[in-house]
Amino acid sequence: MPSKPVTPPSAVYVLKITLKGVRPPIWRRLLVPDNVTLARLHLMIQATMGWENAHMHEFDIGGLRYGEPSLDSYIAVKDEKKFRLVEVAAKTKVKFRYTYDFGDGWEHEIEVEEIQAVDPEQKLPRCIKGKRACPPEHIGGAWGYQALLEAKAKPTHPERKNFERYIETYNPDAFDLDMVNQKLAKIK
């Protein structure tokens, strides 16, 4: 069966992705084609934020849930492979939620900041700005992340031993725009 032709993008979305529940703020600004499926957008968010794509996720857009449908799931979700960004967020200032890792509960607010004309010379997707490193996977959500930051800052913190493997290697202020864009370039 021949594959369905991919329609070229008619616009470029400027998305601001903000990780909720953490201070100082962690965020990214991402340029994506308007015709991207939510399934591909998920992969772009993973690459942009620095997650490892090791957990389930879902989008909540206008009260509707999109994700990977499963017969084992208790909650019905619309198949993210069948919906394009332009179909579910067709205008600027639309905000929606992306949740990654239901155990740790990493919630992200995504805002359509702007919709721009397509520049044929522009490579998409592309991250144009961001602040701070994404928390490590399996850290225990926003609460665990806060405990990690406190343990890093205070050698006598009671949780310091629990975070030993991150104390020396994790830099919460780090953000490498070039590395993020290299990861994004691999998403087809």
N, C-alpha and C. Protein backbone atom coordinates (compact mmCIF):
# COMPACT_ATOMS: atom_id res chain seq x y z
N MET A 1 0.84 -1.18 0.00
CA MET A 1 0.00 0.00 0.00
C MET A 1 0.89 1.24 0.00
N PRO A 2 0.67 2.17 -0.93
CA PRO A 2 1.51 3.37 -0.97
C PRO A 2 1.28 4.25 0.26
N SER A 3 2.36 4.90 0.67
CA SER A 3 2.23 5.77 1.85
C SER A 3 1.54 7.06 1.46
N LYS A 4 0.88 7.64 2.43
CA LYS A 4 0.15 8.89 2.24
C LYS A 4 1.17 10.02 2.05
N PRO A 5 1.03 10.84 0.99
CA PRO A 5 2.00 11.91 0.77
C PRO A 5 1.96 12.92 1.93
N VAL A 6 3.13 13.40 2.28
CA VAL A 6 3.24 14.39 3.35
C VAL A 6 3.08 15.77 2.73
N THR A 7 2.14 16.51 3.24
CA THR A 7 1.90 17.86 2.77
C THR A 7 2.97 18.78 3.34
N PRO A 8 3.56 19.62 2.51
CA PRO A 8 4.56 20.54 3.04
C PRO A 8 3.92 21.48 4.07
N PRO A 9 4.72 21.95 5.02
CA PRO A 9 4.15 22.85 6.03
C PRO A 9 3.68 24.14 5.39
N SER A 10 2.61 24.70 5.94
CA SER A 10 2.12 25.99 5.45
C SER A 10 2.50 27.11 6.40
N ALA A 11 3.02 26.73 7.60
CA ALA A 11 3.44 27.73 8.58
C ALA A 11 4.43 27.09 9.56
N VAL A 12 5.07 27.94 10.33
CA VAL A 12 6.00 27.50 11.36
C VAL A 12 5.46 27.98 12.70
N TYR A 13 5.34 27.04 13.64
CA TYR A 13 4.88 27.37 14.98
C TYR A 13 6.07 27.66 15.88
N VAL A 14 5.97 28.73 16.64
CA VAL A 14 6.95 29.03 17.68
C VAL A 14 6.29 28.59 18.99
N LEU A 15 6.86 27.55 19.58
CA LEU A 15 6.32 26.99 20.82
C LEU A 15 7.24 27.30 21.99
N LYS A 16 6.65 27.70 23.10
CA LYS A 16 7.41 27.82 24.34
C LYS A 16 6.97 26.65 25.23
N ILE A 17 7.95 25.83 25.60
CA ILE A 17 7.71 24.65 26.42
C ILE A 17 8.31 24.93 27.79
N THR A 18 7.46 24.93 28.82
CA THR A 18 7.91 25.25 30.18
C THR A 18 7.60 24.07 31.09
N LEU A 19 8.61 23.61 31.81
CA LEU A 19 8.42 22.53 32.78
C LEU A 19 7.78 23.14 34.01
N LYS A 20 6.63 22.62 34.41
CA LYS A 20 5.87 23.18 35.52
C LYS A 20 6.35 22.60 36.86
N GLY A 21 6.17 23.38 37.92
CA GLY A 21 6.43 22.92 39.28
C GLY A 21 7.87 22.99 39.73
N VAL A 22 8.75 23.61 38.94
CA VAL A 22 10.16 23.71 39.34
C VAL A 22 10.60 25.17 39.34
N ARG A 23 11.52 25.47 40.22
CA ARG A 23 12.13 26.79 40.32
C ARG A 23 13.62 26.62 40.49
N PRO A 24 14.44 27.40 39.85
CA PRO A 24 14.15 28.37 38.79
C PRO A 24 13.55 27.67 37.55
N PRO A 25 12.91 28.48 36.69
CA PRO A 25 12.22 27.91 35.54
C PRO A 25 13.15 27.17 34.56
N ILE A 26 12.61 26.12 33.96
CA ILE A 26 13.27 25.37 32.90
C ILE A 26 12.35 25.47 31.69
N TRP A 27 12.87 25.99 30.57
CA TRP A 27 12.01 26.17 29.40
C TRP A 27 12.82 26.11 28.11
N ARG A 28 12.10 25.92 27.01
CA ARG A 28 12.68 25.90 25.67
C ARG A 28 11.76 26.63 24.71
N ARG A 29 12.36 27.23 23.68
CA ARG A 29 11.59 27.82 22.58
C ARG A 29 11.94 27.03 21.33
N LEU A 30 10.90 26.51 20.69
CA LEU A 30 11.08 25.55 19.61
C LEU A 30 10.31 25.98 18.37
N LEU A 31 10.93 25.85 17.21
CA LEU A 31 10.27 26.09 15.93
C LEU A 31 9.93 24.75 15.31
N VAL A 32 8.66 24.56 14.97
CA VAL A 32 8.21 23.30 14.37
C VAL A 32 7.28 23.59 13.20
N PRO A 33 7.23 22.67 12.22
CA PRO A 33 6.27 22.85 11.13
C PRO A 33 4.85 22.63 11.64
N ASP A 34 3.91 23.35 11.08
CA ASP A 34 2.52 23.24 11.53
C ASP A 34 1.91 21.87 11.25
N ASN A 35 2.49 21.13 10.30
CA ASN A 35 1.93 19.83 9.92
C ASN A 35 2.52 18.66 10.71
N VAL A 36 3.26 18.93 11.76
CA VAL A 36 3.87 17.86 12.57
C VAL A 36 2.77 17.11 13.32
N THR A 37 2.87 15.77 13.38
CA THR A 37 1.92 15.01 14.17
C THR A 37 2.26 15.17 15.65
N LEU A 38 1.31 14.93 16.50
CA LEU A 38 1.58 15.00 17.94
C LEU A 38 2.60 13.93 18.34
N ALA A 39 2.61 12.79 17.64
CA ALA A 39 3.60 11.74 17.93
C ALA A 39 5.01 12.26 17.67
N ARG A 40 5.21 12.95 16.57
CA ARG A 40 6.54 13.53 16.28
C ARG A 40 6.85 14.69 17.22
N LEU A 41 5.82 15.49 17.55
CA LEU A 41 6.04 16.58 18.50
C LEU A 41 6.53 16.02 19.83
N HIS A 42 5.98 14.89 20.25
CA HIS A 42 6.45 14.24 21.48
C HIS A 42 7.95 13.97 21.39
N LEU A 43 8.42 13.41 20.28
CA LEU A 43 9.85 13.12 20.11
C LEU A 43 10.67 14.40 20.13
N MET A 44 10.14 15.46 19.56
CA MET A 44 10.83 16.75 19.54
C MET A 44 10.95 17.31 20.96
N ILE A 45 9.89 17.18 21.74
CA ILE A 45 9.92 17.66 23.12
C ILE A 45 10.95 16.86 23.92
N GLN A 46 10.97 15.55 23.72
CA GLN A 46 11.94 14.71 24.41
C GLN A 46 13.36 15.18 24.11
N ALA A 47 13.67 15.40 22.83
CA ALA A 47 15.01 15.85 22.44
C ALA A 47 15.31 17.25 22.97
N THR A 48 14.33 18.12 22.90
CA THR A 48 14.54 19.51 23.29
C THR A 48 14.73 19.67 24.80
N MET A 49 13.93 18.93 25.56
CA MET A 49 14.02 19.05 27.01
C MET A 49 15.18 18.23 27.59
N GLY A 50 15.53 17.15 26.92
CA GLY A 50 16.61 16.30 27.42
C GLY A 50 16.12 15.04 28.10
N TRP A 51 14.84 14.72 27.92
CA TRP A 51 14.32 13.47 28.48
C TRP A 51 14.81 12.29 27.66
N GLU A 52 14.64 11.08 28.18
CA GLU A 52 15.16 9.87 27.54
C GLU A 52 14.10 9.05 26.81
N ASN A 53 12.86 9.52 26.77
CA ASN A 53 11.76 8.83 26.12
C ASN A 53 11.59 7.41 26.67
N ALA A 54 11.67 7.29 27.98
CA ALA A 54 11.59 5.98 28.64
C ALA A 54 10.25 5.75 29.33
N HIS A 55 9.33 6.69 29.23
CA HIS A 55 8.07 6.60 29.96
C HIS A 55 6.89 6.99 29.07
N MET A 56 5.70 6.71 29.56
CA MET A 56 4.49 7.09 28.84
C MET A 56 4.30 8.61 28.91
N HIS A 57 3.44 9.08 28.04
CA HIS A 57 3.19 10.52 27.96
C HIS A 57 1.78 10.74 27.42
N GLU A 58 1.33 11.98 27.51
CA GLU A 58 0.09 12.38 26.84
C GLU A 58 0.03 13.88 26.70
N PHE A 59 -0.76 14.30 25.73
CA PHE A 59 -1.08 15.71 25.53
C PHE A 59 -2.51 15.91 26.00
N ASP A 60 -2.78 17.05 26.63
CA ASP A 60 -4.14 17.45 26.97
C ASP A 60 -4.36 18.79 26.29
N ILE A 61 -5.19 18.75 25.25
CA ILE A 61 -5.42 19.95 24.44
C ILE A 61 -6.91 20.22 24.40
N GLY A 62 -7.31 21.30 25.01
CA GLY A 62 -8.72 21.66 25.02
C GLY A 62 -9.59 20.62 25.70
N GLY A 63 -9.04 19.93 26.68
CA GLY A 63 -9.79 18.91 27.41
C GLY A 63 -9.80 17.54 26.76
N LEU A 64 -9.18 17.42 25.59
CA LEU A 64 -9.07 16.12 24.92
C LEU A 64 -7.66 15.57 25.14
N ARG A 65 -7.57 14.25 25.31
CA ARG A 65 -6.28 13.62 25.57
C ARG A 65 -5.80 12.89 24.32
N TYR A 66 -4.50 13.07 24.04
CA TYR A 66 -3.86 12.44 22.89
C TYR A 66 -2.62 11.71 23.39
N GLY A 67 -2.38 10.53 22.84
CA GLY A 67 -1.21 9.77 23.23
C GLY A 67 -1.13 8.49 22.42
N GLU A 68 -0.52 7.47 23.02
CA GLU A 68 -0.40 6.17 22.39
C GLU A 68 -1.54 5.28 22.90
N PRO A 69 -2.54 5.00 22.07
CA PRO A 69 -3.65 4.17 22.52
C PRO A 69 -3.17 2.77 22.92
N SER A 70 -3.79 2.23 23.96
CA SER A 70 -3.42 0.92 24.46
C SER A 70 -4.65 0.21 24.98
N LEU A 71 -4.73 -1.07 24.72
CA LEU A 71 -5.85 -1.85 25.26
C LEU A 71 -5.75 -1.97 26.77
N ASP A 72 -4.55 -1.83 27.31
CA ASP A 72 -4.32 -1.94 28.76
C ASP A 72 -4.65 -0.66 29.51
N SER A 73 -4.85 0.43 28.79
CA SER A 73 -5.04 1.72 29.44
C SER A 73 -6.43 1.85 30.03
N TYR A 74 -6.49 2.49 31.17
CA TYR A 74 -7.77 2.76 31.83
C TYR A 74 -8.45 4.00 31.25
N ILE A 75 -7.65 4.84 30.62
CA ILE A 75 -8.17 6.09 30.08
C ILE A 75 -7.99 6.09 28.57
N ALA A 76 -9.06 6.36 27.85
CA ALA A 76 -9.00 6.40 26.40
C ALA A 76 -8.31 7.68 25.95
N VAL A 77 -7.39 7.53 25.02
CA VAL A 77 -6.73 8.69 24.42
C VAL A 77 -6.88 8.60 22.91
N LYS A 78 -6.91 9.76 22.29
CA LYS A 78 -6.93 9.80 20.83
C LYS A 78 -5.52 9.49 20.34
N ASP A 79 -5.42 8.82 19.22
CA ASP A 79 -4.13 8.40 18.67
C ASP A 79 -3.33 9.61 18.18
N GLU A 80 -2.24 9.89 18.86
CA GLU A 80 -1.41 11.06 18.55
C GLU A 80 -0.81 11.00 17.15
N LYS A 81 -0.74 9.82 16.56
CA LYS A 81 -0.19 9.70 15.20
C LYS A 81 -1.16 10.23 14.15
N LYS A 82 -2.42 10.39 14.52
CA LYS A 82 -3.45 10.79 13.56
C LYS A 82 -3.80 12.27 13.61
N PHE A 83 -3.15 13.02 14.50
CA PHE A 83 -3.48 14.44 14.64
C PHE A 83 -2.24 15.30 14.46
N ARG A 84 -2.42 16.35 13.67
CA ARG A 84 -1.33 17.30 13.42
C ARG A 84 -1.53 18.53 14.31
N LEU A 85 -0.43 19.18 14.61
CA LEU A 85 -0.46 20.35 15.48
C LEU A 85 -1.45 21.39 14.97
N VAL A 86 -1.46 21.66 13.69
CA VAL A 86 -2.34 22.67 13.12
C VAL A 86 -3.82 22.33 13.34
N GLU A 87 -4.14 21.05 13.50
CA GLU A 87 -5.53 20.63 13.70
C GLU A 87 -6.00 20.83 15.14
N VAL A 88 -5.09 20.79 16.09
CA VAL A 88 -5.48 20.84 17.50
C VAL A 88 -5.11 22.16 18.19
N ALA A 89 -4.25 22.94 17.56
CA ALA A 89 -3.84 24.23 18.12
C ALA A 89 -3.64 25.19 16.95
N ALA A 90 -4.74 25.69 16.43
CA ALA A 90 -4.71 26.43 15.17
C ALA A 90 -4.43 27.92 15.28
N LYS A 91 -4.21 28.43 16.49
CA LYS A 91 -3.97 29.87 16.60
C LYS A 91 -2.96 30.18 17.70
N THR A 92 -2.48 31.42 17.68
CA THR A 92 -1.51 31.85 18.70
C THR A 92 -2.19 31.97 20.06
N LYS A 93 -1.36 31.92 21.07
CA LYS A 93 -1.75 32.04 22.48
C LYS A 93 -2.48 30.81 23.01
N VAL A 94 -2.67 29.79 22.16
CA VAL A 94 -3.23 28.53 22.65
C VAL A 94 -2.20 27.89 23.58
N LYS A 95 -2.69 27.41 24.72
CA LYS A 95 -1.82 26.70 25.66
C LYS A 95 -2.38 25.30 25.88
N PHE A 96 -1.47 24.34 26.01
CA PHE A 96 -1.90 22.98 26.29
C PHE A 96 -0.85 22.29 27.15
N ARG A 97 -1.23 21.12 27.65
CA ARG A 97 -0.36 20.40 28.59
C ARG A 97 0.21 19.15 27.93
N TYR A 98 1.47 18.89 28.26
CA TYR A 98 2.16 17.66 27.87
C TYR A 98 2.69 17.06 29.16
N THR A 99 2.28 15.84 29.46
CA THR A 99 2.75 15.15 30.67
C THR A 99 3.64 14.00 30.25
N TYR A 100 4.80 13.93 30.89
CA TYR A 100 5.76 12.86 30.63
C TYR A 100 6.04 12.14 31.93
N ASP A 101 6.06 10.83 31.90
CA ASP A 101 6.35 9.97 33.06
C ASP A 101 5.27 10.16 34.12
N PHE A 102 4.23 9.36 34.01
CA PHE A 102 3.09 9.50 34.92
C PHE A 102 3.48 9.24 36.37
N GLY A 103 4.55 8.48 36.61
CA GLY A 103 5.02 8.24 37.98
C GLY A 103 5.61 9.50 38.60
N ASP A 104 6.53 10.14 37.87
CA ASP A 104 7.13 11.38 38.36
C ASP A 104 6.25 12.59 38.06
N GLY A 105 5.40 12.47 37.05
CA GLY A 105 4.44 13.53 36.76
C GLY A 105 5.05 14.82 36.25
N TRP A 106 5.93 14.73 35.26
CA TRP A 106 6.53 15.94 34.70
C TRP A 106 5.53 16.61 33.77
N GLU A 107 4.96 17.73 34.22
CA GLU A 107 4.00 18.46 33.41
C GLU A 107 4.67 19.65 32.75
N HIS A 108 4.36 19.81 31.49
CA HIS A 108 4.90 20.90 30.68
C HIS A 108 3.74 21.72 30.15
N GLU A 109 3.88 23.02 30.20
CA GLU A 109 2.92 23.89 29.52
C GLU A 109 3.52 24.25 28.18
N ILE A 110 2.75 24.08 27.13
CA ILE A 110 3.20 24.45 25.79
C ILE A 110 2.30 25.57 25.30
N GLU A 111 2.93 26.65 24.90
CA GLU A 111 2.17 27.80 24.38
C GLU A 111 2.58 28.06 22.93
N VAL A 112 1.58 28.24 22.08
CA VAL A 112 1.84 28.67 20.70
C VAL A 112 2.06 30.18 20.79
N GLU A 113 3.31 30.59 20.78
CA GLU A 113 3.63 32.02 20.93
C GLU A 113 3.40 32.80 19.64
N GLU A 114 3.67 32.14 18.53
CA GLU A 114 3.62 32.84 17.25
C GLU A 114 3.45 31.81 16.14
N ILE A 115 2.84 32.24 15.05
CA ILE A 115 2.77 31.42 13.84
C ILE A 115 3.40 32.26 12.73
N GLN A 116 4.47 31.73 12.14
CA GLN A 116 5.26 32.46 11.16
C GLN A 116 5.11 31.85 9.77
N ALA A 117 5.50 32.64 8.77
CA ALA A 117 5.55 32.13 7.40
C ALA A 117 6.70 31.13 7.28
N VAL A 118 6.57 30.21 6.36
CA VAL A 118 7.61 29.22 6.11
C VAL A 118 8.76 29.88 5.37
N ASP A 119 9.97 29.62 5.84
CA ASP A 119 11.19 30.05 5.16
C ASP A 119 11.82 28.78 4.60
N PRO A 120 11.87 28.61 3.27
CA PRO A 120 12.38 27.37 2.70
C PRO A 120 13.83 27.06 3.11
N GLU A 121 14.58 28.06 3.52
CA GLU A 121 15.97 27.88 3.93
C GLU A 121 16.10 27.42 5.38
N GLN A 122 15.03 27.54 6.14
CA GLN A 122 15.06 27.23 7.56
C GLN A 122 14.92 25.74 7.82
N LYS A 123 15.83 25.19 8.62
CA LYS A 123 15.76 23.78 9.00
C LYS A 123 14.83 23.64 10.19
N LEU A 124 13.90 22.69 10.07
CA LEU A 124 12.94 22.43 11.15
C LEU A 124 12.97 20.96 11.51
N PRO A 125 12.73 20.62 12.73
CA PRO A 125 12.52 21.49 13.89
C PRO A 125 13.83 22.11 14.35
N ARG A 126 13.71 23.19 15.13
CA ARG A 126 14.90 23.87 15.64
C ARG A 126 14.58 24.54 16.96
N CYS A 127 15.47 24.37 17.90
CA CYS A 127 15.37 25.07 19.17
C CYS A 127 16.14 26.37 19.03
N ILE A 128 15.54 27.48 19.43
CA ILE A 128 16.21 28.77 19.27
C ILE A 128 16.66 29.37 20.61
N LYS A 129 16.13 28.81 21.72
CA LYS A 129 16.54 29.33 23.03
C LYS A 129 16.04 28.39 24.12
N GLY A 130 16.69 28.48 25.26
CA GLY A 130 16.27 27.68 26.40
C GLY A 130 17.02 28.09 27.64
N LYS A 131 16.51 27.64 28.77
CA LYS A 131 17.14 27.94 30.06
C LYS A 131 17.17 26.69 30.91
N ARG A 132 18.31 26.42 31.48
CA ARG A 132 18.55 25.39 32.50
C ARG A 132 18.40 23.97 31.96
N ALA A 133 19.08 23.07 32.63
CA ALA A 133 19.08 21.65 32.28
C ALA A 133 17.80 20.98 32.74
N CYS A 134 17.38 20.02 31.97
CA CYS A 134 16.24 19.19 32.34
C CYS A 134 16.63 18.35 33.57
N PRO A 135 15.72 18.12 34.50
CA PRO A 135 16.04 17.24 35.64
C PRO A 135 16.38 15.83 35.16
N PRO A 136 17.18 15.12 35.92
CA PRO A 136 17.48 13.72 35.55
C PRO A 136 16.21 12.87 35.61
N GLU A 137 16.19 11.83 34.78
CA GLU A 137 15.08 10.87 34.82
C GLU A 137 15.08 10.18 36.18
N HIS A 138 13.94 9.69 36.60
CA HIS A 138 13.78 8.88 37.82
C HIS A 138 14.22 9.60 39.09
N ILE A 139 14.09 10.92 39.11
CA ILE A 139 14.53 11.70 40.28
C ILE A 139 13.40 11.86 41.29
N GLY A 140 12.18 11.53 40.90
CA GLY A 140 11.06 11.65 41.83
C GLY A 140 10.20 12.87 41.60
N GLY A 141 10.15 13.35 40.37
CA GLY A 141 9.31 14.49 40.04
C GLY A 141 9.86 15.80 40.58
N ALA A 142 9.00 16.81 40.63
CA ALA A 142 9.42 18.14 41.06
C ALA A 142 9.95 18.13 42.50
N TRP A 143 9.33 17.32 43.36
CA TRP A 143 9.78 17.24 44.75
C TRP A 143 11.20 16.68 44.82
N GLY A 144 11.46 15.59 44.10
CA GLY A 144 12.80 14.98 44.09
C GLY A 144 13.83 15.91 43.47
N TYR A 145 13.41 16.64 42.44
CA TYR A 145 14.32 17.59 41.80
C TYR A 145 14.73 18.69 42.78
N GLN A 146 13.75 19.22 43.51
CA GLN A 146 14.04 20.25 44.50
C GLN A 146 15.00 19.71 45.57
N ALA A 147 14.78 18.48 46.02
CA ALA A 147 15.66 17.85 47.01
C ALA A 147 17.07 17.70 46.45
N LEU A 148 17.18 17.34 45.16
CA LEU A 148 18.50 17.24 44.53
C LEU A 148 19.21 18.59 44.55
N LEU A 149 18.52 19.66 44.16
CA LEU A 149 19.14 20.98 44.15
C LEU A 149 19.60 21.38 45.55
N GLU A 150 18.78 21.10 46.55
CA GLU A 150 19.16 21.42 47.92
C GLU A 150 20.35 20.59 48.38
N ALA A 151 20.37 19.30 48.02
CA ALA A 151 21.48 18.42 48.40
C ALA A 151 22.78 18.84 47.72
N LYS A 152 22.70 19.31 46.48
CA LYS A 152 23.89 19.80 45.77
C LYS A 152 24.45 21.03 46.46
N ALA A 153 23.57 21.88 46.94
CA ALA A 153 23.99 23.16 47.53
C ALA A 153 24.47 23.02 48.98
N LYS A 154 24.03 21.98 49.66
CA LYS A 154 24.32 21.87 51.09
C LYS A 154 24.95 20.51 51.41
N PRO A 155 26.24 20.48 51.69
CA PRO A 155 26.93 19.20 51.97
C PRO A 155 26.34 18.41 53.14
N THR A 156 25.63 19.05 54.05
CA THR A 156 25.07 18.33 55.20
C THR A 156 23.59 17.98 55.00
N HIS A 157 23.07 18.16 53.81
CA HIS A 157 21.66 17.88 53.53
C HIS A 157 21.38 16.40 53.79
N PRO A 158 20.27 16.08 54.48
CA PRO A 158 19.97 14.68 54.82
C PRO A 158 19.76 13.76 53.61
N GLU A 159 19.41 14.30 52.45
CA GLU A 159 19.17 13.49 51.25
C GLU A 159 20.41 13.37 50.37
N ARG A 160 21.51 13.99 50.77
CA ARG A 160 22.70 14.05 49.92
C ARG A 160 23.16 12.66 49.45
N LYS A 161 23.15 11.68 50.33
CA LYS A 161 23.60 10.34 49.96
C LYS A 161 22.71 9.74 48.86
N ASN A 162 21.40 10.01 48.92
CA ASN A 162 20.48 9.50 47.91
C ASN A 162 20.76 10.05 46.51
N PHE A 163 21.36 11.21 46.44
CA PHE A 163 21.62 11.86 45.16
C PHE A 163 23.10 11.84 44.78
N GLU A 164 23.86 10.99 45.43
CA GLU A 164 25.31 10.93 45.24
C GLU A 164 25.72 10.90 43.76
N ARG A 165 25.03 10.06 42.98
CA ARG A 165 25.45 9.92 41.58
C ARG A 165 25.21 11.18 40.74
N TYR A 166 24.36 12.08 41.21
CA TYR A 166 24.09 13.31 40.46
C TYR A 166 24.88 14.53 40.98
N ILE A 167 25.32 14.48 42.21
CA ILE A 167 25.94 15.65 42.84
C ILE A 167 27.07 16.23 42.00
N GLU A 168 27.96 15.38 41.51
CA GLU A 168 29.11 15.88 40.75
C GLU A 168 28.82 16.07 39.26
N THR A 169 27.92 15.27 38.72
CA THR A 169 27.74 15.27 37.26
C THR A 169 26.62 16.16 36.75
N TYR A 170 25.61 16.40 37.54
CA TYR A 170 24.46 17.17 37.07
C TYR A 170 24.67 18.66 37.32
N ASN A 171 24.58 19.44 36.25
CA ASN A 171 24.70 20.90 36.35
C ASN A 171 23.34 21.50 35.99
N PRO A 172 22.58 21.97 36.98
CA PRO A 172 21.23 22.47 36.70
C PRO A 172 21.21 23.72 35.82
N ASP A 173 22.32 24.42 35.72
CA ASP A 173 22.36 25.64 34.90
C ASP A 173 22.74 25.38 33.45
N ALA A 174 23.16 24.16 33.14
CA ALA A 174 23.65 23.85 31.80
C ALA A 174 22.51 23.78 30.79
N PHE A 175 22.75 24.34 29.63
CA PHE A 175 21.85 24.18 28.48
C PHE A 175 22.71 24.33 27.24
N ASP A 176 22.77 23.30 26.43
CA ASP A 176 23.61 23.28 25.23
C ASP A 176 22.71 23.31 23.99
N LEU A 177 22.52 24.49 23.44
CA LEU A 177 21.64 24.69 22.29
C LEU A 177 22.09 23.87 21.08
N ASP A 178 23.40 23.82 20.82
CA ASP A 178 23.90 23.06 19.68
C ASP A 178 23.59 21.57 19.82
N MET A 179 23.78 21.03 21.02
CA MET A 179 23.51 19.61 21.24
C MET A 179 22.02 19.31 21.04
N VAL A 180 21.17 20.19 21.54
CA VAL A 180 19.72 20.01 21.37
C VAL A 180 19.37 19.98 19.89
N ASN A 181 19.94 20.90 19.12
CA ASN A 181 19.62 20.95 17.69
C ASN A 181 20.19 19.76 16.93
N GLN A 182 21.30 19.21 17.39
CA GLN A 182 21.82 17.98 16.79
C GLN A 182 20.83 16.83 17.01
N LYS A 183 20.27 16.73 18.22
CA LYS A 183 19.27 15.70 18.50
C LYS A 183 18.00 15.92 17.66
N LEU A 184 17.58 17.15 17.54
CA LEU A 184 16.38 17.45 16.75
C LEU A 184 16.58 17.10 15.27
N ALA A 185 17.80 17.30 14.76
CA ALA A 185 18.08 17.01 13.35
C ALA A 185 17.93 15.53 13.03
N LYS A 186 18.01 14.67 14.02
CA LYS A 186 17.89 13.22 13.82
C LYS A 186 16.45 12.74 13.77
N ILE A 187 15.50 13.62 14.11
CA ILE A 187 14.08 13.24 14.10
C ILE A 187 13.53 13.41 12.69
N LYS A 188 13.08 12.34 12.14
CA LYS A 188 12.56 12.37 10.77
C LYS A 188 11.06 12.22 10.76
